[in-house]
Amino acid sequence: MVERSVNIEDILESKKIPEWGKPKGKDMFKRITPIVYYTARQTSQDMWLYNRRLLTGVGTEVLAMDDSKNIIYGINFASADYLGLAQS
């Protein structure tokens, strides 16, 4: 089992997310720098849970992999058939 630690500054930084949704200024790269750094730090700590891809076909139970190459097994709630009632 891999032990993880959480950086408190990163958690406090997440309070600024609403501000990042309304960037100001002419320099696009300067406007998006805070959110890019935030997501990179979250990803490096395995705390960014939004990038996952299926390794199996669509079904009730699936295998997925995140950007850190962690394999995840679970119920596919994103499917229209997460209860498996459409399968015979």
N, C-alpha and C. Protein backbone atom coordinates (compact mmCIF):
# COMPACT_ATOMS: atom_id res chain seq x y z
N MET A 1 0.85 -1.19 0.00
CA MET A 1 0.00 0.00 0.00
C MET A 1 0.89 1.25 0.00
N VAL A 2 0.55 2.19 -0.84
CA VAL A 2 1.30 3.43 -0.94
C VAL A 2 0.74 4.44 0.05
N GLU A 3 1.61 5.02 0.86
CA GLU A 3 1.16 6.02 1.82
C GLU A 3 1.17 7.39 1.14
N ARG A 4 0.08 8.13 1.33
CA ARG A 4 -0.03 9.46 0.74
C ARG A 4 -0.14 10.49 1.84
N SER A 5 0.32 11.66 1.55
CA SER A 5 0.14 12.78 2.46
C SER A 5 -0.53 13.92 1.69
N VAL A 6 -1.21 14.75 2.43
CA VAL A 6 -1.93 15.86 1.81
C VAL A 6 -1.27 17.16 2.23
N ASN A 7 -1.04 18.01 1.27
CA ASN A 7 -0.46 19.32 1.53
C ASN A 7 -1.58 20.30 1.87
N ILE A 8 -1.55 20.84 3.08
CA ILE A 8 -2.61 21.75 3.53
C ILE A 8 -2.69 22.99 2.65
N GLU A 9 -1.55 23.51 2.18
CA GLU A 9 -1.58 24.69 1.32
C GLU A 9 -2.38 24.42 0.05
N ASP A 10 -2.30 23.19 -0.48
CA ASP A 10 -3.07 22.86 -1.68
C ASP A 10 -4.56 22.84 -1.40
N ILE A 11 -4.94 22.39 -0.22
CA ILE A 11 -6.36 22.39 0.14
C ILE A 11 -6.85 23.83 0.27
N LEU A 12 -6.06 24.67 0.92
CA LEU A 12 -6.46 26.08 1.05
C LEU A 12 -6.49 26.77 -0.30
N GLU A 13 -5.60 26.38 -1.20
CA GLU A 13 -5.56 26.96 -2.55
C GLU A 13 -6.84 26.64 -3.32
N SER A 14 -7.48 25.51 -2.99
CA SER A 14 -8.71 25.13 -3.70
C SER A 14 -9.85 26.11 -3.46
N LYS A 15 -9.76 26.94 -2.43
CA LYS A 15 -10.79 27.96 -2.19
C LYS A 15 -10.79 29.00 -3.29
N LYS A 16 -9.70 29.09 -4.05
CA LYS A 16 -9.60 30.09 -5.12
C LYS A 16 -10.20 29.60 -6.44
N ILE A 17 -10.67 28.38 -6.49
CA ILE A 17 -11.19 27.81 -7.74
C ILE A 17 -12.28 28.69 -8.36
N PRO A 18 -13.24 29.23 -7.59
CA PRO A 18 -14.23 30.11 -8.24
C PRO A 18 -13.60 31.31 -8.94
N GLU A 19 -12.51 31.85 -8.38
CA GLU A 19 -11.82 32.97 -9.02
C GLU A 19 -11.20 32.53 -10.36
N TRP A 20 -10.70 31.31 -10.42
CA TRP A 20 -10.05 30.82 -11.63
C TRP A 20 -11.04 30.65 -12.77
N GLY A 21 -12.32 30.54 -12.45
CA GLY A 21 -13.34 30.40 -13.48
C GLY A 21 -13.63 31.70 -14.21
N LYS A 22 -13.11 32.80 -13.69
CA LYS A 22 -13.33 34.12 -14.31
C LYS A 22 -11.97 34.82 -14.48
N PRO A 23 -11.12 34.27 -15.33
CA PRO A 23 -9.79 34.88 -15.49
C PRO A 23 -9.88 36.28 -16.10
N LYS A 24 -8.96 37.15 -15.67
CA LYS A 24 -8.93 38.52 -16.17
C LYS A 24 -7.56 38.82 -16.76
N GLY A 25 -7.53 39.71 -17.73
CA GLY A 25 -6.28 40.13 -18.34
C GLY A 25 -6.16 39.66 -19.78
N LYS A 26 -5.22 40.25 -20.49
CA LYS A 26 -5.04 39.94 -21.90
C LYS A 26 -4.15 38.72 -22.14
N ASP A 27 -3.23 38.45 -21.24
CA ASP A 27 -2.28 37.35 -21.42
C ASP A 27 -2.94 36.03 -20.99
N MET A 28 -3.31 35.21 -21.97
CA MET A 28 -4.01 33.96 -21.68
C MET A 28 -3.18 33.04 -20.80
N PHE A 29 -1.89 32.93 -21.06
CA PHE A 29 -1.06 32.01 -20.29
C PHE A 29 -0.93 32.45 -18.84
N LYS A 30 -0.86 33.74 -18.61
CA LYS A 30 -0.79 34.25 -17.25
C LYS A 30 -2.12 33.99 -16.52
N ARG A 31 -3.23 34.07 -17.25
CA ARG A 31 -4.55 33.86 -16.65
C ARG A 31 -4.75 32.42 -16.21
N ILE A 32 -4.23 31.44 -16.96
CA ILE A 32 -4.50 30.05 -16.63
C ILE A 32 -3.40 29.40 -15.77
N THR A 33 -2.31 30.12 -15.53
CA THR A 33 -1.20 29.55 -14.75
C THR A 33 -1.62 29.02 -13.38
N PRO A 34 -2.41 29.74 -12.58
CA PRO A 34 -2.76 29.21 -11.25
C PRO A 34 -3.48 27.86 -11.31
N ILE A 35 -4.45 27.71 -12.18
CA ILE A 35 -5.19 26.44 -12.23
C ILE A 35 -4.33 25.32 -12.81
N VAL A 36 -3.44 25.65 -13.74
CA VAL A 36 -2.55 24.63 -14.29
C VAL A 36 -1.62 24.09 -13.20
N TYR A 37 -1.04 24.98 -12.41
CA TYR A 37 -0.17 24.55 -11.31
C TYR A 37 -0.95 23.77 -10.25
N TYR A 38 -2.16 24.23 -9.96
CA TYR A 38 -3.00 23.54 -8.96
C TYR A 38 -3.30 22.11 -9.40
N THR A 39 -3.75 21.93 -10.64
CA THR A 39 -4.08 20.58 -11.10
C THR A 39 -2.84 19.70 -11.20
N ALA A 40 -1.69 20.28 -11.55
CA ALA A 40 -0.44 19.50 -11.60
C ALA A 40 -0.05 19.01 -10.21
N ARG A 41 -0.19 19.87 -9.20
CA ARG A 41 0.13 19.45 -7.82
C ARG A 41 -0.84 18.38 -7.35
N GLN A 42 -2.12 18.54 -7.67
CA GLN A 42 -3.11 17.54 -7.26
C GLN A 42 -2.84 16.20 -7.94
N THR A 43 -2.49 16.24 -9.22
CA THR A 43 -2.19 15.01 -9.95
C THR A 43 -0.96 14.33 -9.38
N SER A 44 0.08 15.08 -9.05
CA SER A 44 1.31 14.48 -8.52
C SER A 44 1.08 13.83 -7.16
N GLN A 45 0.06 14.27 -6.42
CA GLN A 45 -0.26 13.69 -5.11
C GLN A 45 -1.39 12.66 -5.21
N ASP A 46 -1.77 12.26 -6.43
CA ASP A 46 -2.87 11.33 -6.66
C ASP A 46 -4.18 11.83 -6.05
N MET A 47 -4.39 13.14 -6.06
CA MET A 47 -5.61 13.72 -5.52
C MET A 47 -6.54 14.24 -6.62
N TRP A 48 -6.09 14.26 -7.86
CA TRP A 48 -6.91 14.73 -8.97
C TRP A 48 -7.60 13.51 -9.56
N LEU A 49 -8.89 13.38 -9.33
CA LEU A 49 -9.61 12.15 -9.63
C LEU A 49 -10.43 12.22 -10.91
N TYR A 50 -10.21 13.22 -11.73
CA TYR A 50 -11.09 13.43 -12.86
C TYR A 50 -10.64 12.78 -14.16
N ASN A 51 -9.41 12.37 -14.26
CA ASN A 51 -8.91 11.78 -15.50
C ASN A 51 -8.80 10.28 -15.35
N ARG A 52 -9.83 9.58 -15.79
CA ARG A 52 -9.85 8.12 -15.77
C ARG A 52 -10.34 7.62 -17.10
N ARG A 53 -9.81 6.49 -17.52
CA ARG A 53 -10.27 5.88 -18.77
C ARG A 53 -10.58 4.41 -18.53
N LEU A 54 -11.59 3.92 -19.21
CA LEU A 54 -12.00 2.53 -19.06
C LEU A 54 -11.00 1.60 -19.72
N LEU A 55 -10.71 0.49 -19.05
CA LEU A 55 -9.86 -0.55 -19.62
C LEU A 55 -10.70 -1.70 -20.15
N THR A 56 -11.94 -1.78 -19.70
CA THR A 56 -12.86 -2.82 -20.15
C THR A 56 -13.98 -2.17 -20.95
N GLY A 57 -14.79 -2.97 -21.55
CA GLY A 57 -15.94 -2.42 -22.27
C GLY A 57 -16.97 -1.89 -21.29
N VAL A 58 -17.93 -1.16 -21.81
CA VAL A 58 -18.98 -0.60 -20.96
C VAL A 58 -19.77 -1.74 -20.35
N GLY A 59 -19.98 -1.68 -19.09
CA GLY A 59 -20.74 -2.71 -18.38
C GLY A 59 -21.05 -2.24 -16.97
N THR A 60 -21.65 -3.13 -16.19
CA THR A 60 -22.01 -2.81 -14.83
C THR A 60 -20.77 -2.61 -13.97
N GLU A 61 -19.80 -3.52 -14.10
CA GLU A 61 -18.54 -3.42 -13.36
C GLU A 61 -17.41 -3.25 -14.37
N VAL A 62 -16.51 -2.33 -14.09
CA VAL A 62 -15.45 -2.01 -15.04
C VAL A 62 -14.10 -1.87 -14.34
N LEU A 63 -13.07 -1.92 -15.16
CA LEU A 63 -11.72 -1.55 -14.73
C LEU A 63 -11.39 -0.23 -15.38
N ALA A 64 -10.80 0.67 -14.62
CA ALA A 64 -10.40 1.97 -15.15
C ALA A 64 -8.97 2.24 -14.71
N MET A 65 -8.31 3.19 -15.40
CA MET A 65 -6.96 3.57 -15.04
C MET A 65 -6.89 5.09 -15.00
N ASP A 66 -6.22 5.62 -13.96
CA ASP A 66 -6.05 7.07 -13.87
C ASP A 66 -4.71 7.47 -14.47
N ASP A 67 -4.40 8.75 -14.43
CA ASP A 67 -3.16 9.26 -15.03
C ASP A 67 -1.91 8.74 -14.34
N SER A 68 -2.04 8.30 -13.08
CA SER A 68 -0.89 7.77 -12.35
C SER A 68 -0.72 6.27 -12.55
N LYS A 69 -1.47 5.71 -13.50
CA LYS A 69 -1.42 4.28 -13.84
C LYS A 69 -1.99 3.39 -12.74
N ASN A 70 -2.82 3.94 -11.84
CA ASN A 70 -3.51 3.15 -10.83
C ASN A 70 -4.71 2.49 -11.47
N ILE A 71 -4.89 1.19 -11.25
CA ILE A 71 -6.02 0.45 -11.78
C ILE A 71 -7.14 0.50 -10.74
N ILE A 72 -8.34 0.84 -11.18
CA ILE A 72 -9.49 0.98 -10.30
C ILE A 72 -10.58 0.03 -10.77
N TYR A 73 -11.12 -0.76 -9.86
CA TYR A 73 -12.23 -1.65 -10.16
C TYR A 73 -13.46 -1.12 -9.43
N GLY A 74 -14.60 -1.07 -10.14
CA GLY A 74 -15.80 -0.60 -9.47
C GLY A 74 -17.03 -0.64 -10.35
N ILE A 75 -18.11 -0.17 -9.78
CA ILE A 75 -19.40 -0.10 -10.48
C ILE A 75 -19.38 1.13 -11.38
N ASN A 76 -19.88 0.96 -12.59
CA ASN A 76 -19.90 2.05 -13.56
C ASN A 76 -21.21 2.83 -13.43
N PHE A 77 -21.21 3.85 -12.58
CA PHE A 77 -22.40 4.68 -12.40
C PHE A 77 -22.60 5.65 -13.56
N ALA A 78 -21.62 5.79 -14.43
CA ALA A 78 -21.74 6.68 -15.58
C ALA A 78 -22.50 6.01 -16.72
N SER A 79 -22.76 4.73 -16.60
CA SER A 79 -23.48 3.99 -17.63
C SER A 79 -24.98 4.13 -17.41
N ALA A 80 -25.74 4.02 -18.47
CA ALA A 80 -27.19 4.03 -18.35
C ALA A 80 -27.69 2.70 -17.78
N ASP A 81 -26.80 1.71 -17.71
CA ASP A 81 -27.18 0.38 -17.22
C ASP A 81 -26.34 -0.02 -16.00
N TYR A 82 -26.18 0.89 -15.03
CA TYR A 82 -25.33 0.59 -13.90
C TYR A 82 -25.90 -0.49 -12.99
N LEU A 83 -27.20 -0.76 -13.09
CA LEU A 83 -27.80 -1.85 -12.31
C LEU A 83 -27.72 -3.18 -13.06
N GLY A 84 -27.41 -3.15 -14.32
CA GLY A 84 -27.30 -4.37 -15.10
C GLY A 84 -28.65 -4.93 -15.53
N LEU A 85 -29.70 -4.14 -15.47
CA LEU A 85 -31.04 -4.63 -15.79
C LEU A 85 -31.27 -4.79 -17.29
N ALA A 86 -30.48 -4.11 -18.13
CA ALA A 86 -30.66 -4.20 -19.58
C ALA A 86 -29.96 -5.42 -20.16
N GLN A 87 -29.11 -6.05 -19.38
CA GLN A 87 -28.40 -7.23 -19.87
C GLN A 87 -29.24 -8.48 -19.61
N SER A 88 -29.21 -9.42 -20.55
CA SER A 88 -30.00 -10.63 -20.35
C SER A 88 -29.15 -11.79 -19.95
